[in-house]
N, C-alpha and C. Protein backbone atom coordinates (compact mmCIF):
# COMPACT_ATOMS: atom_id res chain seq x y z
N MET A 1 -39.04 20.70 170.88
CA MET A 1 -38.45 19.51 170.19
C MET A 1 -39.17 19.28 168.88
N LYS A 2 -40.52 19.27 169.01
CA LYS A 2 -41.24 18.92 167.81
C LYS A 2 -41.08 20.01 166.67
N ARG A 3 -41.02 21.35 167.15
CA ARG A 3 -40.83 22.37 166.24
C ARG A 3 -39.39 22.28 165.55
N ARG A 4 -38.54 21.90 166.38
CA ARG A 4 -37.12 21.78 165.86
C ARG A 4 -37.02 20.73 164.74
N ASN A 5 -37.77 19.57 164.95
CA ASN A 5 -37.79 18.54 163.79
C ASN A 5 -38.48 18.92 162.52
N VAL A 6 -39.45 19.70 162.70
CA VAL A 6 -40.27 20.23 161.62
C VAL A 6 -39.39 21.23 160.92
N PHE A 7 -38.64 22.09 161.60
CA PHE A 7 -37.79 23.05 161.02
C PHE A 7 -36.65 22.38 160.20
N LEU A 8 -36.00 21.33 160.76
CA LEU A 8 -35.00 20.61 160.19
C LEU A 8 -35.44 19.96 158.87
N LYS A 9 -36.63 19.35 158.96
CA LYS A 9 -37.18 18.76 157.74
C LYS A 9 -37.47 19.82 156.66
N ILE A 10 -37.91 20.95 156.99
CA ILE A 10 -38.12 22.08 155.96
C ILE A 10 -36.72 22.47 155.40
N ILE A 11 -35.76 22.54 156.18
CA ILE A 11 -34.48 22.96 155.64
C ILE A 11 -33.92 21.91 154.76
N LEU A 12 -33.97 20.61 155.10
CA LEU A 12 -33.54 19.52 154.27
C LEU A 12 -34.30 19.53 153.01
N SER A 13 -35.58 19.69 153.03
CA SER A 13 -36.39 19.71 151.82
C SER A 13 -35.91 20.81 150.86
N CYS A 14 -35.74 21.97 151.43
CA CYS A 14 -35.25 23.01 150.62
C CYS A 14 -33.86 22.82 150.14
N ALA A 15 -32.97 22.29 150.78
CA ALA A 15 -31.65 21.91 150.31
C ALA A 15 -31.78 20.92 149.17
N LEU A 16 -32.56 19.94 149.28
CA LEU A 16 -32.71 18.92 148.22
C LEU A 16 -33.27 19.59 146.95
N LEU A 17 -34.30 20.52 147.14
CA LEU A 17 -34.80 21.18 145.86
C LEU A 17 -33.67 21.96 145.23
N VAL A 18 -32.93 22.70 145.99
CA VAL A 18 -31.83 23.51 145.40
C VAL A 18 -30.85 22.61 144.67
N LEU A 19 -30.56 21.32 145.26
CA LEU A 19 -29.58 20.54 144.57
C LEU A 19 -30.08 19.85 143.41
N LEU A 20 -31.39 19.50 143.37
CA LEU A 20 -31.93 18.78 142.24
C LEU A 20 -32.61 19.64 141.22
N LEU A 21 -32.93 20.90 141.41
CA LEU A 21 -33.60 21.65 140.43
C LEU A 21 -32.71 21.92 139.20
N PRO A 22 -31.38 22.29 139.39
CA PRO A 22 -30.60 22.52 138.17
C PRO A 22 -30.52 21.40 137.24
N ASP A 23 -30.48 20.17 137.72
CA ASP A 23 -30.49 18.94 136.87
C ASP A 23 -31.74 18.81 136.03
N LEU A 24 -32.80 18.96 136.80
CA LEU A 24 -34.15 18.93 136.04
C LEU A 24 -34.27 20.01 135.10
N TRP A 25 -33.84 21.19 135.33
CA TRP A 25 -33.94 22.28 134.43
C TRP A 25 -33.19 22.06 133.20
N ALA A 26 -31.84 21.51 133.45
CA ALA A 26 -30.90 21.22 132.25
C ALA A 26 -31.57 20.08 131.32
N GLN A 27 -32.19 19.07 131.87
CA GLN A 27 -32.83 18.10 131.20
C GLN A 27 -33.92 18.57 130.40
N ASN A 28 -34.78 19.45 130.97
CA ASN A 28 -35.89 20.06 130.08
C ASN A 28 -35.38 21.04 129.14
N TYR A 29 -34.41 21.76 129.40
CA TYR A 29 -33.87 22.74 128.46
C TYR A 29 -33.35 21.99 127.30
N GLY A 30 -32.47 20.90 127.54
CA GLY A 30 -31.95 20.03 126.42
C GLY A 30 -33.06 19.53 125.56
N GLN A 31 -34.15 19.04 126.12
CA GLN A 31 -35.21 18.52 125.44
C GLN A 31 -35.90 19.62 124.57
N ILE A 32 -36.07 20.79 125.17
CA ILE A 32 -36.71 21.88 124.50
C ILE A 32 -35.87 22.26 123.26
N ARG A 33 -34.55 22.38 123.51
CA ARG A 33 -33.53 22.82 122.42
C ARG A 33 -33.67 21.78 121.37
N ALA A 34 -33.71 20.40 121.68
CA ALA A 34 -33.77 19.39 120.64
C ALA A 34 -35.07 19.55 119.82
N MET A 35 -36.14 19.82 120.49
CA MET A 35 -37.39 19.95 119.71
C MET A 35 -37.56 21.11 118.91
N LYS A 36 -36.94 22.19 119.34
CA LYS A 36 -36.82 23.47 118.53
C LYS A 36 -35.96 23.26 117.31
N ASN A 37 -34.86 22.54 117.46
CA ASN A 37 -33.91 22.23 116.27
C ASN A 37 -34.70 21.32 115.33
N ARG A 38 -35.49 20.32 115.76
CA ARG A 38 -36.24 19.44 114.97
C ARG A 38 -37.41 20.22 114.23
N ALA A 39 -38.06 21.10 114.89
CA ALA A 39 -39.04 21.90 114.25
C ALA A 39 -38.52 22.78 113.10
N GLU A 40 -37.33 23.31 113.32
CA GLU A 40 -36.72 24.20 112.30
C GLU A 40 -36.25 23.27 111.03
N THR A 41 -35.80 22.03 111.35
CA THR A 41 -35.47 21.20 110.29
C THR A 41 -36.71 20.76 109.44
N VAL A 42 -37.72 20.39 110.14
CA VAL A 42 -38.97 20.03 109.48
C VAL A 42 -39.65 21.29 108.61
N THR A 43 -39.51 22.34 109.19
CA THR A 43 -39.97 23.59 108.47
C THR A 43 -39.15 23.84 107.17
N ARG A 44 -37.86 23.79 107.31
CA ARG A 44 -37.00 23.90 106.10
C ARG A 44 -37.37 22.88 105.04
N GLN A 45 -37.50 21.58 105.43
CA GLN A 45 -37.95 20.52 104.53
C GLN A 45 -39.28 20.76 103.90
N LYS A 46 -40.20 21.22 104.70
CA LYS A 46 -41.49 21.47 104.18
C LYS A 46 -41.43 22.62 103.08
N ASN A 47 -40.72 23.65 103.44
CA ASN A 47 -40.62 24.73 102.44
C ASN A 47 -39.93 24.35 101.16
N HIS A 48 -38.87 23.59 101.35
CA HIS A 48 -38.11 23.06 100.16
C HIS A 48 -39.07 22.23 99.28
N PHE A 49 -39.86 21.31 99.93
CA PHE A 49 -40.80 20.43 99.23
C PHE A 49 -41.76 21.29 98.40
N VAL A 50 -42.30 22.27 99.01
CA VAL A 50 -43.40 23.11 98.34
C VAL A 50 -42.74 23.77 97.16
N VAL A 51 -41.56 24.41 97.38
CA VAL A 51 -40.90 25.01 96.17
C VAL A 51 -40.59 24.05 95.05
N GLN A 52 -40.23 22.85 95.42
CA GLN A 52 -39.85 21.80 94.39
C GLN A 52 -41.20 21.35 93.79
N VAL A 53 -42.33 21.32 94.31
CA VAL A 53 -43.60 20.99 93.67
C VAL A 53 -44.00 22.08 92.64
N LEU A 54 -43.91 23.23 93.13
CA LEU A 54 -44.33 24.37 92.44
C LEU A 54 -43.38 24.54 91.08
N ARG A 55 -42.13 24.27 91.26
CA ARG A 55 -41.35 24.36 90.13
C ARG A 55 -41.55 23.18 89.14
N SER A 56 -41.90 21.94 89.61
CA SER A 56 -42.29 20.80 88.81
C SER A 56 -43.50 21.06 88.00
N TYR A 57 -44.39 22.01 88.54
CA TYR A 57 -45.62 22.28 87.72
C TYR A 57 -45.49 23.70 86.96
N ASN A 58 -44.19 24.16 86.99
CA ASN A 58 -44.00 25.52 86.31
C ASN A 58 -44.85 26.64 86.87
N ILE A 59 -45.12 26.58 88.14
CA ILE A 59 -45.87 27.72 88.76
C ILE A 59 -44.94 28.70 89.34
N PRO A 60 -44.85 29.88 88.90
CA PRO A 60 -43.93 30.91 89.39
C PRO A 60 -44.33 31.27 90.81
N CYS A 61 -43.34 31.56 91.60
CA CYS A 61 -43.51 31.85 93.03
C CYS A 61 -42.42 32.78 93.49
N LYS A 62 -42.67 33.57 94.52
CA LYS A 62 -41.66 34.28 95.11
C LYS A 62 -41.27 33.77 96.42
N VAL A 63 -40.02 33.59 96.89
CA VAL A 63 -39.69 33.05 98.08
C VAL A 63 -38.88 33.84 98.93
N THR A 64 -39.08 33.93 100.31
CA THR A 64 -38.46 34.69 101.21
C THR A 64 -36.98 34.24 101.43
N GLU A 65 -36.15 34.93 102.11
CA GLU A 65 -34.80 34.61 102.39
C GLU A 65 -34.71 33.24 103.09
N GLU A 66 -35.67 32.98 103.84
CA GLU A 66 -35.80 31.81 104.78
C GLU A 66 -36.35 30.71 103.95
N GLY A 67 -36.70 30.83 102.62
CA GLY A 67 -37.16 29.66 101.73
C GLY A 67 -38.72 29.54 101.78
N ILE A 68 -39.42 30.52 102.45
CA ILE A 68 -40.84 30.32 102.57
C ILE A 68 -41.52 30.83 101.36
N VAL A 69 -42.44 30.17 100.80
CA VAL A 69 -43.27 30.73 99.69
C VAL A 69 -44.05 31.85 100.09
N ALA A 70 -43.86 33.05 99.58
CA ALA A 70 -44.55 34.29 100.01
C ALA A 70 -45.72 34.70 98.92
N GLN A 71 -45.49 34.33 97.58
CA GLN A 71 -46.39 34.59 96.67
C GLN A 71 -46.53 33.53 95.54
N LEU A 72 -47.59 33.43 94.87
CA LEU A 72 -47.85 32.55 93.81
C LEU A 72 -48.42 33.24 92.61
N HIS A 73 -47.86 33.04 91.46
CA HIS A 73 -48.49 33.67 90.27
C HIS A 73 -49.36 32.69 89.46
N ILE A 74 -50.63 32.85 89.47
CA ILE A 74 -51.59 32.04 88.79
C ILE A 74 -52.47 32.90 88.07
N GLN A 75 -52.64 32.65 86.67
CA GLN A 75 -53.58 33.16 85.80
C GLN A 75 -53.46 34.77 85.91
N ASN A 76 -52.17 35.31 85.67
CA ASN A 76 -51.81 36.63 85.60
C ASN A 76 -52.08 37.38 86.93
N HIS A 77 -52.18 36.75 87.99
CA HIS A 77 -52.31 37.41 89.33
C HIS A 77 -51.53 36.88 90.32
N TRP A 78 -50.80 37.69 91.11
CA TRP A 78 -50.03 37.31 92.20
C TRP A 78 -50.79 37.18 93.54
N TYR A 79 -50.81 36.08 94.16
CA TYR A 79 -51.47 35.77 95.40
C TYR A 79 -50.49 35.86 96.54
N ASP A 80 -50.76 36.63 97.61
CA ASP A 80 -49.90 36.57 98.86
C ASP A 80 -50.32 35.28 99.65
N VAL A 81 -49.36 34.45 99.90
CA VAL A 81 -49.61 33.24 100.67
C VAL A 81 -49.47 33.53 102.18
N LYS A 82 -50.53 33.23 102.87
CA LYS A 82 -50.56 33.42 104.41
C LYS A 82 -50.14 32.26 105.17
N GLN A 83 -50.62 31.15 104.59
CA GLN A 83 -50.26 29.78 105.30
C GLN A 83 -50.39 28.63 104.28
N ILE A 84 -49.60 27.60 104.52
CA ILE A 84 -49.46 26.36 103.67
C ILE A 84 -49.73 25.21 104.52
N GLU A 85 -50.60 24.30 103.98
CA GLU A 85 -50.86 23.04 104.63
C GLU A 85 -50.53 21.84 103.72
N ILE A 86 -49.76 20.83 104.14
CA ILE A 86 -49.45 19.79 103.25
C ILE A 86 -50.33 18.45 103.82
N VAL A 87 -51.07 17.87 103.04
CA VAL A 87 -51.80 16.59 103.57
C VAL A 87 -51.42 15.48 102.75
N PRO A 88 -50.95 14.39 103.30
CA PRO A 88 -50.61 13.27 102.55
C PRO A 88 -51.84 12.50 102.03
N VAL A 89 -51.81 11.98 100.79
CA VAL A 89 -52.91 11.17 100.28
C VAL A 89 -52.29 9.73 100.32
N THR A 90 -53.10 8.83 100.95
CA THR A 90 -52.49 7.48 101.19
C THR A 90 -53.45 6.52 100.65
N ARG A 91 -52.80 5.28 100.50
CA ARG A 91 -53.71 4.09 100.22
C ARG A 91 -53.19 2.95 101.09
N ASP A 92 -54.08 2.14 101.50
CA ASP A 92 -53.82 0.95 102.32
C ASP A 92 -53.03 -0.15 101.52
N ILE A 93 -51.97 -0.61 102.17
CA ILE A 93 -51.29 -1.72 101.60
C ILE A 93 -51.01 -2.71 102.72
N GLU A 94 -50.56 -3.85 102.39
CA GLU A 94 -50.38 -4.86 103.35
C GLU A 94 -49.32 -4.31 104.55
N GLY A 95 -49.77 -4.43 105.72
CA GLY A 95 -48.88 -3.90 106.79
C GLY A 95 -48.96 -2.45 107.03
N GLY A 96 -49.81 -1.62 106.50
CA GLY A 96 -49.85 -0.25 106.70
C GLY A 96 -50.47 0.50 105.71
N TYR A 97 -49.71 1.56 105.28
CA TYR A 97 -50.26 2.50 104.26
C TYR A 97 -49.00 2.99 103.38
N GLU A 98 -49.34 3.53 102.28
CA GLU A 98 -48.32 4.20 101.40
C GLU A 98 -48.84 5.59 101.05
N VAL A 99 -47.85 6.56 101.05
CA VAL A 99 -48.26 7.87 100.47
C VAL A 99 -48.11 7.89 99.08
N ILE A 100 -49.15 8.24 98.39
CA ILE A 100 -49.05 8.21 96.84
C ILE A 100 -49.13 9.63 96.34
N ALA A 101 -49.43 10.64 97.04
CA ALA A 101 -49.48 11.92 96.63
C ALA A 101 -49.63 12.90 97.81
N HIS A 102 -49.68 14.20 97.63
CA HIS A 102 -49.84 15.22 98.68
C HIS A 102 -50.74 16.22 98.09
N GLU A 103 -51.66 16.66 98.97
CA GLU A 103 -52.50 17.80 98.67
C GLU A 103 -51.85 18.98 99.48
N ILE A 104 -51.79 20.08 98.66
CA ILE A 104 -51.14 21.26 99.23
C ILE A 104 -52.20 22.37 99.14
N PHE A 105 -52.43 22.97 100.30
CA PHE A 105 -53.39 24.01 100.38
C PHE A 105 -52.64 25.36 100.63
N PHE A 106 -52.87 26.38 99.76
CA PHE A 106 -52.32 27.62 99.89
C PHE A 106 -53.35 28.67 100.34
N TYR A 107 -53.21 29.19 101.60
CA TYR A 107 -54.32 30.05 101.99
C TYR A 107 -53.77 31.55 101.85
N THR A 108 -54.68 32.17 101.03
CA THR A 108 -54.38 33.56 100.68
C THR A 108 -55.41 34.55 101.42
N GLU A 109 -55.42 35.80 101.12
CA GLU A 109 -56.31 36.68 101.73
C GLU A 109 -57.67 36.31 101.46
N GLY A 110 -58.16 35.90 100.26
CA GLY A 110 -59.61 35.70 100.09
C GLY A 110 -59.77 34.28 99.51
N ASP A 111 -58.78 33.60 99.19
CA ASP A 111 -58.97 32.23 98.41
C ASP A 111 -58.18 31.16 99.14
N ILE A 112 -58.46 29.89 98.94
CA ILE A 112 -57.65 28.73 99.29
C ILE A 112 -57.42 28.09 97.94
N LEU A 113 -56.15 28.14 97.60
CA LEU A 113 -55.69 27.41 96.41
C LEU A 113 -55.26 25.88 96.75
N HIS A 114 -55.68 25.02 95.84
CA HIS A 114 -55.45 23.61 96.11
C HIS A 114 -54.68 22.95 95.04
N LEU A 115 -53.55 22.25 95.33
CA LEU A 115 -52.76 21.56 94.44
C LEU A 115 -52.64 20.14 94.88
N VAL A 116 -52.88 19.21 94.05
CA VAL A 116 -52.49 17.79 94.33
C VAL A 116 -51.30 17.33 93.47
N SER A 117 -50.29 16.81 94.20
CA SER A 117 -49.05 16.48 93.55
C SER A 117 -48.66 15.10 93.83
N ALA A 118 -48.10 14.46 92.84
CA ALA A 118 -47.53 13.09 93.06
C ALA A 118 -46.03 13.18 93.38
N VAL A 119 -45.49 14.35 93.38
CA VAL A 119 -44.04 14.55 93.64
C VAL A 119 -43.73 13.99 94.99
N LYS A 120 -42.75 13.13 95.19
CA LYS A 120 -42.37 12.52 96.46
C LYS A 120 -41.39 13.43 97.22
N ILE A 121 -41.68 13.37 98.54
CA ILE A 121 -40.80 14.13 99.50
C ILE A 121 -39.45 13.41 99.55
N GLN A 122 -38.34 14.22 99.25
CA GLN A 122 -36.95 13.66 99.25
C GLN A 122 -36.39 13.70 100.65
C-alpha cells in the first residue's frame, strides 16, 4: 500500500512537470527573444552614434554592411578597429546627473585611440 502511494505521487509529479514545463519554457524563450532584440537595437544605435561622431569631426572611416566601424584613417594611417567602448561624461545636477559628453575608445591592434565628443546621442 505504501509503495503504491509513493508510485502514484511520482506519476502525479511527472505529469505536473510535463504540463507546466512548456509554459515556463515559452515564458523564458519570450524573454530571451525580447532581450536579443533589445541588444540588437542598442548595438545599431551605438554604431550609428560612433559614425555620427566621426563624421562630425571629419575623421574618415570604413564601415561594414552592418554599420560597424571597421577602420579609422588618422594621420595618413588606417587603423583596424577591434573594439569600441563609449563612456558617458557626466556632471552632477539637482536630482541626479547630466551627460555632457562621451569618451570613445577605439581599440586597435597596438593602440587605443581616444576621442572626447560633446555630440549628443539622438
